[in-house]
Amino acid sequence: MHILFTRPLDDSKDLILKFNDLGHKVSYMPVVEIQRIEHENINFKDYKALIFTSANSLKFLNTREVDKNIYCFCVGIATEKKALSLGFQNIITADGNVRNLKEIILRNFNSSDGKILYISGEIISKDLDKELKSLGYDVKRIVNYSAKPIKNIDEKFLEDLKNNIPDIVYIYSQNSALSFLNLMKNYNSTDLWMNTNLMCMSEKISSVLNNIKWKKIFIFNAGEEEYLLYKI
């Protein structure tokens, strides 16, 4: 199969190598660029737990002064892997969506256990901090990165893509979905995807791309990319 990944390379390279090894043709077209956002200094000693809903929030965080045994709640496997690489020991991981992450936090951390620091991107799909606050938790959210849309596609790459339309496209966020849609509109390419399966991490993300006709739309959690191949 021909598979198109749209995440930044740091987030895609492991899957690209894996799918290549499985014998698939893999194309790579990032639709957003991740950029650091400067933020206030953090006194990590004030917090008893950390929340990460993206590996990027860990990538742009200075963790040298963090107690690596602190509770570390991660949204999915990719975020967990990044946390492990930075030395975190007490990691509790959801299955790829914020709704489940909230339930895991509620089961493993009481509102009386102390303050929680939530590190995230500029745009989030769910106001996790506000929902936890409504339940009595003391949560502070700090934004340390943004996802900027990429506005241009290499003309040769686009021509090659038109000559060999992917069987599958993976879209991981609303930002990515909106950027993908705008790119396709700008390059008059919204009608190319009728035989392509769209893979999105939520119905909210897929709804952004409803103006494009797809063969089928599948909802998945991070870590299920290979499994989805067997559903096509």
C-alpha atoms as a PDB file:
ATOM      1  CA  MET A   1       0.000   0.000   0.000  1.00  0.00           C
ATOM      2  CA  HIS A   2       0.946   3.634  -0.459  1.00  0.00           C
ATOM      3  CA  ILE A   3       0.805   5.532   2.853  1.00  0.00           C
ATOM      4  CA  LEU A   4       1.071   9.286   3.432  1.00  0.00           C
ATOM      5  CA  PHE A   5       2.227  10.713   6.761  1.00  0.00           C
ATOM      6  CA  THR A   6       1.558  14.367   7.548  1.00  0.00           C
ATOM      7  CA  ARG A   7       3.189  14.876  10.963  1.00  0.00           C
ATOM      8  CA  PRO A   8       6.561  16.600  11.477  1.00  0.00           C
ATOM      9  CA  LEU A   9       9.475  14.249  10.809  1.00  0.00           C
ATOM     10  CA  ASP A  10      10.428  13.801  14.481  1.00  0.00           C
ATOM     11  CA  ASP A  11       6.975  12.358  15.102  1.00  0.00           C
ATOM     12  CA  SER A  12       6.853  10.245  11.933  1.00  0.00           C
ATOM     13  CA  LYS A  13      10.301   8.757  11.365  1.00  0.00           C
ATOM     14  CA  ASP A  14       9.796   5.574  13.423  1.00  0.00           C
ATOM     15  CA  LEU A  15       6.557   4.742  11.594  1.00  0.00           C
ATOM     16  CA  ILE A  16       8.079   5.608   8.218  1.00  0.00           C
ATOM     17  CA  LEU A  17      10.923   3.147   8.833  1.00  0.00           C
ATOM     18  CA  LYS A  18       8.543   0.515  10.193  1.00  0.00           C
ATOM     19  CA  PHE A  19       6.141   0.718   7.254  1.00  0.00           C
ATOM     20  CA  ASN A  20       9.017   0.717   4.778  1.00  0.00           C
ATOM     21  CA  ASP A  21      10.303  -2.471   6.404  1.00  0.00           C
ATOM     22  CA  LEU A  22       6.834  -3.980   5.986  1.00  0.00           C
ATOM     23  CA  GLY A  23       7.112  -3.378   2.247  1.00  0.00           C
ATOM     24  CA  HIS A  24       4.810  -0.390   1.915  1.00  0.00           C
ATOM     25  CA  LYS A  25       5.491   2.722  -0.127  1.00  0.00           C
ATOM     26  CA  VAL A  26       5.623   5.673   2.272  1.00  0.00           C
ATOM     27  CA  SER A  27       5.349   9.353   1.367  1.00  0.00           C
ATOM     28  CA  TYR A  28       5.972  12.186   3.785  1.00  0.00           C
ATOM     29  CA  MET A  29       4.281  15.578   3.545  1.00  0.00           C
ATOM     30  CA  PRO A  30       4.352  17.584   6.793  1.00  0.00           C
ATOM     31  CA  VAL A  31       1.452  20.016   7.022  1.00  0.00           C
ATOM     32  CA  VAL A  32       2.444  21.838  10.231  1.00  0.00           C
ATOM     33  CA  GLU A  33       5.709  23.108  11.669  1.00  0.00           C
ATOM     34  CA  ILE A  34       6.264  22.867  15.425  1.00  0.00           C
ATOM     35  CA  GLN A  35       7.759  25.971  17.050  1.00  0.00           C
ATOM     36  CA  ARG A  36       8.858  26.653  20.615  1.00  0.00           C
ATOM     37  CA  ILE A  37       6.966  29.241  22.691  1.00  0.00           C
ATOM     38  CA  GLU A  38       8.857  30.965  25.485  1.00  0.00           C
ATOM     39  CA  HIS A  39       7.116  30.793  28.849  1.00  0.00           C
ATOM     40  CA  GLU A  40       7.594  31.742  32.469  1.00  0.00           C
ATOM     41  CA  ASN A  41      10.142  29.953  34.629  1.00  0.00           C
ATOM     42  CA  ILE A  42       8.698  26.892  36.321  1.00  0.00           C
ATOM     43  CA  ASN A  43       9.376  25.880  39.920  1.00  0.00           C
ATOM     44  CA  PHE A  44       8.760  22.170  39.524  1.00  0.00           C
ATOM     45  CA  LYS A  45       8.948  21.663  43.297  1.00  0.00           C
ATOM     46  CA  ASP A  46       5.502  23.277  43.505  1.00  0.00           C
ATOM     47  CA  TYR A  47       3.896  20.380  41.633  1.00  0.00           C
ATOM     48  CA  LYS A  48       3.127  16.768  42.457  1.00  0.00           C
ATOM     49  CA  ALA A  49       2.130  15.654  38.946  1.00  0.00           C
ATOM     50  CA  LEU A  50       2.701  16.566  35.315  1.00  0.00           C
ATOM     51  CA  ILE A  51       0.343  16.155  32.351  1.00  0.00           C
ATOM     52  CA  PHE A  52       1.522  15.850  28.748  1.00  0.00           C
ATOM     53  CA  THR A  53      -0.902  15.588  25.824  1.00  0.00           C
ATOM     54  CA  SER A  54       1.860  15.643  23.194  1.00  0.00           C
ATOM     55  CA  ALA A  55       5.446  14.488  22.835  1.00  0.00           C
ATOM     56  CA  ASN A  56       6.192  18.017  21.596  1.00  0.00           C
ATOM     57  CA  SER A  57       5.385  19.473  25.017  1.00  0.00           C
ATOM     58  CA  LEU A  58       8.154  17.273  26.434  1.00  0.00           C
ATOM     59  CA  LYS A  59      10.557  18.095  23.612  1.00  0.00           C
ATOM     60  CA  PHE A  60      10.390  21.806  24.382  1.00  0.00           C
ATOM     61  CA  LEU A  61      10.496  21.463  28.177  1.00  0.00           C
ATOM     62  CA  ASN A  62      13.681  21.863  30.221  1.00  0.00           C
ATOM     63  CA  THR A  63      13.427  18.821  32.489  1.00  0.00           C
ATOM     64  CA  ARG A  64      16.819  19.012  34.210  1.00  0.00           C
ATOM     65  CA  GLU A  65      15.304  20.247  37.487  1.00  0.00           C
ATOM     66  CA  VAL A  66      12.322  17.884  37.463  1.00  0.00           C
ATOM     67  CA  ASP A  67      12.138  15.010  39.933  1.00  0.00           C
ATOM     68  CA  LYS A  68      11.877  12.093  37.512  1.00  0.00           C
ATOM     69  CA  ASN A  69       9.796  10.135  40.041  1.00  0.00           C
ATOM     70  CA  ILE A  70       6.961  12.659  39.864  1.00  0.00           C
ATOM     71  CA  TYR A  71       3.623  11.412  38.558  1.00  0.00           C
ATOM     72  CA  CYS A  72       3.758  11.823  34.786  1.00  0.00           C
ATOM     73  CA  PHE A  73       0.435  11.433  32.946  1.00  0.00           C
ATOM     74  CA  CYS A  74       0.832  10.909  29.192  1.00  0.00           C
ATOM     75  CA  VAL A  75      -1.890  10.862  26.559  1.00  0.00           C
ATOM     76  CA  GLY A  76      -0.448   7.984  24.518  1.00  0.00           C
ATOM     77  CA  ILE A  77       2.445   5.736  23.581  1.00  0.00           C
ATOM     78  CA  ALA A  78       4.433   8.312  21.581  1.00  0.00           C
ATOM     79  CA  THR A  79       4.315  10.763  24.489  1.00  0.00           C
ATOM     80  CA  GLU A  80       5.231   7.973  26.925  1.00  0.00           C
ATOM     81  CA  LYS A  81       8.279   7.046  24.814  1.00  0.00           C
ATOM     82  CA  LYS A  82       9.485  10.641  24.890  1.00  0.00           C
ATOM     83  CA  ALA A  83       8.989  10.816  28.663  1.00  0.00           C
ATOM     84  CA  LEU A  84      10.932   7.577  29.133  1.00  0.00           C
ATOM     85  CA  SER A  85      13.777   8.903  26.985  1.00  0.00           C
ATOM     86  CA  LEU A  86      14.025  11.909  29.339  1.00  0.00           C
ATOM     87  CA  GLY A  87      14.266   9.684  32.411  1.00  0.00           C
ATOM     88  CA  PHE A  88      10.744   9.860  33.858  1.00  0.00           C
ATOM     89  CA  GLN A  89      10.023   6.793  35.986  1.00  0.00           C
ATOM     90  CA  ASN A  90       6.464   7.110  37.259  1.00  0.00           C
ATOM     91  CA  ILE A  91       4.552   7.275  33.970  1.00  0.00           C
ATOM     92  CA  ILE A  92       0.851   6.515  33.613  1.00  0.00           C
ATOM     93  CA  THR A  93      -0.380   6.401  30.019  1.00  0.00           C
ATOM     94  CA  ALA A  94      -3.776   6.634  28.357  1.00  0.00           C
ATOM     95  CA  ASP A  95      -4.629   5.014  25.025  1.00  0.00           C
ATOM     96  CA  GLY A  96      -4.261   8.090  22.872  1.00  0.00           C
ATOM     97  CA  ASN A  97      -7.167  10.394  23.697  1.00  0.00           C
ATOM     98  CA  VAL A  98      -7.657  13.120  26.285  1.00  0.00           C
ATOM     99  CA  ARG A  99     -10.983  11.760  27.531  1.00  0.00           C
ATOM    100  CA  ASN A 100      -9.313   8.555  28.700  1.00  0.00           C
ATOM    101  CA  LEU A 101      -6.369  10.531  30.055  1.00  0.00           C
ATOM    102  CA  LYS A 102      -8.742  12.477  32.297  1.00  0.00           C
ATOM    103  CA  GLU A 103     -10.216   9.238  33.669  1.00  0.00           C
ATOM    104  CA  ILE A 104      -6.732   7.867  34.363  1.00  0.00           C
ATOM    105  CA  ILE A 105      -5.809  11.019  36.276  1.00  0.00           C
ATOM    106  CA  LEU A 106      -9.000  10.804  38.339  1.00  0.00           C
ATOM    107  CA  ARG A 107      -8.279   7.169  39.210  1.00  0.00           C
ATOM    108  CA  ASN A 108      -4.628   7.668  40.138  1.00  0.00           C
ATOM    109  CA  PHE A 109      -4.359  11.168  41.595  1.00  0.00           C
ATOM    110  CA  ASN A 110      -6.651  12.809  44.141  1.00  0.00           C
ATOM    111  CA  SER A 111      -7.376  16.522  44.162  1.00  0.00           C
ATOM    112  CA  SER A 112      -5.883  16.626  47.679  1.00  0.00           C
ATOM    113  CA  ASP A 113      -2.567  15.124  46.511  1.00  0.00           C
ATOM    114  CA  GLY A 114      -1.183  18.477  45.332  1.00  0.00           C
ATOM    115  CA  LYS A 115      -0.858  20.818  42.378  1.00  0.00           C
ATOM    116  CA  ILE A 116      -0.714  19.572  38.788  1.00  0.00           C
ATOM    117  CA  LEU A 117       1.252  21.176  35.956  1.00  0.00           C
ATOM    118  CA  TYR A 118      -0.204  20.696  32.464  1.00  0.00           C
ATOM    119  CA  ILE A 119       2.257  21.398  29.631  1.00  0.00           C
ATOM    120  CA  SER A 120       0.630  21.694  26.206  1.00  0.00           C
ATOM    121  CA  GLY A 121       0.564  23.240  22.788  1.00  0.00           C
ATOM    122  CA  GLU A 122      -1.148  26.502  21.973  1.00  0.00           C
ATOM    123  CA  ILE A 123      -4.263  24.809  20.576  1.00  0.00           C
ATOM    124  CA  ILE A 124      -5.778  21.823  22.382  1.00  0.00           C
ATOM    125  CA  SER A 125      -8.731  19.642  21.408  1.00  0.00           C
ATOM    126  CA  LYS A 126     -10.171  19.499  24.929  1.00  0.00           C
ATOM    127  CA  ASP A 127      -9.916  21.868  27.924  1.00  0.00           C
ATOM    128  CA  LEU A 128      -8.508  19.216  30.245  1.00  0.00           C
ATOM    129  CA  ASP A 129      -7.245  21.745  32.784  1.00  0.00           C
ATOM    130  CA  LYS A 130     -10.649  23.425  33.090  1.00  0.00           C
ATOM    131  CA  GLU A 131     -12.424  20.080  33.449  1.00  0.00           C
ATOM    132  CA  LEU A 132     -10.073  19.014  36.228  1.00  0.00           C
ATOM    133  CA  LYS A 133     -10.432  22.385  37.966  1.00  0.00           C
ATOM    134  CA  SER A 134     -14.225  21.945  37.942  1.00  0.00           C
ATOM    135  CA  LEU A 135     -13.662  18.752  39.916  1.00  0.00           C
ATOM    136  CA  GLY A 136     -11.581  20.476  42.563  1.00  0.00           C
ATOM    137  CA  TYR A 137      -8.084  19.933  41.172  1.00  0.00           C
ATOM    138  CA  ASP A 138      -5.415  22.645  41.339  1.00  0.00           C
ATOM    139  CA  VAL A 139      -4.094  22.699  37.757  1.00  0.00           C
ATOM    140  CA  LYS A 140      -1.831  25.199  36.023  1.00  0.00           C
ATOM    141  CA  ARG A 141      -1.485  25.076  32.232  1.00  0.00           C
ATOM    142  CA  ILE A 142       1.647  26.319  30.503  1.00  0.00           C
ATOM    143  CA  VAL A 143       1.898  26.554  26.701  1.00  0.00           C
ATOM    144  CA  ASN A 144       5.384  25.811  25.338  1.00  0.00           C
ATOM    145  CA  TYR A 145       4.866  25.193  21.608  1.00  0.00           C
ATOM    146  CA  SER A 146       2.673  26.048  18.648  1.00  0.00           C
ATOM    147  CA  ALA A 147       1.863  24.272  15.389  1.00  0.00           C
ATOM    148  CA  LYS A 148       2.125  26.635  12.419  1.00  0.00           C
ATOM    149  CA  PRO A 149       0.532  25.610   9.097  1.00  0.00           C
ATOM    150  CA  ILE A 150       2.823  24.878   6.162  1.00  0.00           C
ATOM    151  CA  LYS A 151       1.560  26.806   3.147  1.00  0.00           C
ATOM    152  CA  ASN A 152       3.593  25.419   0.255  1.00  0.00           C
ATOM    153  CA  ILE A 153       4.149  21.989  -1.262  1.00  0.00           C
ATOM    154  CA  ASP A 154       7.092  21.098  -3.469  1.00  0.00           C
ATOM    155  CA  GLU A 155       5.667  21.052  -7.003  1.00  0.00           C
ATOM    156  CA  LYS A 156       7.528  17.894  -8.031  1.00  0.00           C
ATOM    157  CA  PHE A 157       6.390  16.077  -4.901  1.00  0.00           C
ATOM    158  CA  LEU A 158       2.790  17.086  -5.562  1.00  0.00           C
ATOM    159  CA  GLU A 159       3.010  15.902  -9.177  1.00  0.00           C
ATOM    160  CA  ASP A 160       4.424  12.555  -8.045  1.00  0.00           C
ATOM    161  CA  LEU A 161       1.635  12.300  -5.468  1.00  0.00           C
ATOM    162  CA  LYS A 162      -1.026  12.930  -8.104  1.00  0.00           C
ATOM    163  CA  ASN A 163       0.472  10.168 -10.259  1.00  0.00           C
ATOM    164  CA  ASN A 164       0.386   7.719  -7.348  1.00  0.00           C
ATOM    165  CA  ILE A 165      -2.391   8.693  -4.939  1.00  0.00           C
ATOM    166  CA  PRO A 166      -1.934   7.168  -1.455  1.00  0.00           C
ATOM    167  CA  ASP A 167      -4.202   4.402  -0.215  1.00  0.00           C
ATOM    168  CA  ILE A 168      -4.034   5.836   3.304  1.00  0.00           C
ATOM    169  CA  VAL A 169      -3.507   9.290   4.830  1.00  0.00           C
ATOM    170  CA  TYR A 170      -2.857   9.718   8.559  1.00  0.00           C
ATOM    171  CA  ILE A 171      -4.013  12.976  10.211  1.00  0.00           C
ATOM    172  CA  TYR A 172      -3.259  13.460  13.911  1.00  0.00           C
ATOM    173  CA  SER A 173      -4.687  16.834  14.957  1.00  0.00           C
ATOM    174  CA  GLN A 174      -7.209  19.537  14.092  1.00  0.00           C
ATOM    175  CA  ASN A 175      -4.328  21.841  13.185  1.00  0.00           C
ATOM    176  CA  SER A 176      -3.024  19.265  10.744  1.00  0.00           C
ATOM    177  CA  ALA A 177      -6.475  18.623   9.303  1.00  0.00           C
ATOM    178  CA  LEU A 178      -7.102  22.316   8.683  1.00  0.00           C
ATOM    179  CA  SER A 179      -3.655  22.816   7.168  1.00  0.00           C
ATOM    180  CA  PHE A 180      -4.094  19.752   4.927  1.00  0.00           C
ATOM    181  CA  LEU A 181      -7.482  21.044   3.748  1.00  0.00           C
ATOM    182  CA  ASN A 182      -6.106  24.504   2.968  1.00  0.00           C
ATOM    183  CA  LEU A 183      -3.141  23.057   1.095  1.00  0.00           C
ATOM    184  CA  MET A 184      -5.409  20.889  -1.043  1.00  0.00           C
ATOM    185  CA  LYS A 185      -7.657  23.874  -1.800  1.00  0.00           C
ATOM    186  CA  ASN A 186      -4.696  26.098  -2.666  1.00  0.00           C
ATOM    187  CA  TYR A 187      -3.327  23.491  -5.072  1.00  0.00           C
ATOM    188  CA  ASN A 188      -6.748  22.502  -6.506  1.00  0.00           C
ATOM    189  CA  SER A 189      -6.285  18.969  -5.235  1.00  0.00           C
ATOM    190  CA  THR A 190      -9.386  18.312  -3.128  1.00  0.00           C
ATOM    191  CA  ASP A 191     -10.811  15.850  -5.680  1.00  0.00           C
ATOM    192  CA  LEU A 192      -7.868  13.421  -5.622  1.00  0.00           C
ATOM    193  CA  TRP A 193      -8.833  11.356  -2.593  1.00  0.00           C
ATOM    194  CA  MET A 194     -11.951   9.358  -3.497  1.00  0.00           C
ATOM    195  CA  ASN A 195      -9.990   6.087  -3.394  1.00  0.00           C
ATOM    196  CA  THR A 196      -8.007   7.003  -0.287  1.00  0.00           C
ATOM    197  CA  ASN A 197      -8.761   5.956   3.303  1.00  0.00           C
ATOM    198  CA  LEU A 198      -8.509   8.775   5.848  1.00  0.00           C
ATOM    199  CA  MET A 199      -7.181   7.876   9.303  1.00  0.00           C
ATOM    200  CA  CYS A 200      -7.928  10.427  12.059  1.00  0.00           C
ATOM    201  CA  MET A 201      -7.500  10.409  15.823  1.00  0.00           C
ATOM    202  CA  SER A 202     -11.041  11.670  16.475  1.00  0.00           C
ATOM    203  CA  GLU A 203     -14.319  12.451  14.753  1.00  0.00           C
ATOM    204  CA  LYS A 204     -13.699  16.107  15.574  1.00  0.00           C
ATOM    205  CA  ILE A 205     -10.525  15.971  13.467  1.00  0.00           C
ATOM    206  CA  SER A 206     -12.146  14.080  10.598  1.00  0.00           C
ATOM    207  CA  SER A 207     -15.052  16.559  10.485  1.00  0.00           C
ATOM    208  CA  VAL A 208     -12.610  19.270   9.364  1.00  0.00           C
ATOM    209  CA  LEU A 209     -11.994  17.203   6.219  1.00  0.00           C
ATOM    210  CA  ASN A 210     -15.608  16.408   5.361  1.00  0.00           C
ATOM    211  CA  ASN A 211     -15.421  18.676   2.324  1.00  0.00           C
ATOM    212  CA  ILE A 212     -13.028  16.170   0.745  1.00  0.00           C
ATOM    213  CA  LYS A 213     -14.502  12.928  -0.575  1.00  0.00           C
ATOM    214  CA  TRP A 214     -12.757   9.879   0.912  1.00  0.00           C
ATOM    215  CA  LYS A 215     -13.142   6.171   0.305  1.00  0.00           C
ATOM    216  CA  LYS A 216     -13.577   5.522   4.041  1.00  0.00           C
ATOM    217  CA  ILE A 217     -12.780   7.323   7.285  1.00  0.00           C
ATOM    218  CA  PHE A 218     -11.323   5.466  10.265  1.00  0.00           C
ATOM    219  CA  ILE A 219     -10.831   6.713  13.834  1.00  0.00           C
ATOM    220  CA  PHE A 220      -7.735   5.428  15.625  1.00  0.00           C
ATOM    221  CA  ASN A 221      -5.536   5.921  18.669  1.00  0.00           C
ATOM    222  CA  ALA A 222      -1.803   6.543  18.472  1.00  0.00           C
ATOM    223  CA  GLY A 223      -0.016   3.196  18.304  1.00  0.00           C
ATOM    224  CA  GLU A 224      -2.725   1.543  16.199  1.00  0.00           C
ATOM    225  CA  GLU A 225      -1.360   2.644  12.815  1.00  0.00           C
ATOM    226  CA  GLU A 226      -0.104  -0.805  11.807  1.00  0.00           C
ATOM    227  CA  TYR A 227      -3.249  -2.530  13.076  1.00  0.00           C
ATOM    228  CA  LEU A 228      -5.386  -0.292  10.855  1.00  0.00           C
ATOM    229  CA  LEU A 229      -3.705  -1.679   7.746  1.00  0.00           C
ATOM    230  CA  TYR A 230      -5.506  -4.961   8.325  1.00  0.00           C
ATOM    231  CA  LYS A 231      -8.912  -3.235   8.391  1.00  0.00           C
ATOM    232  CA  ILE A 232      -8.564  -1.837   4.879  1.00  0.00           C
END
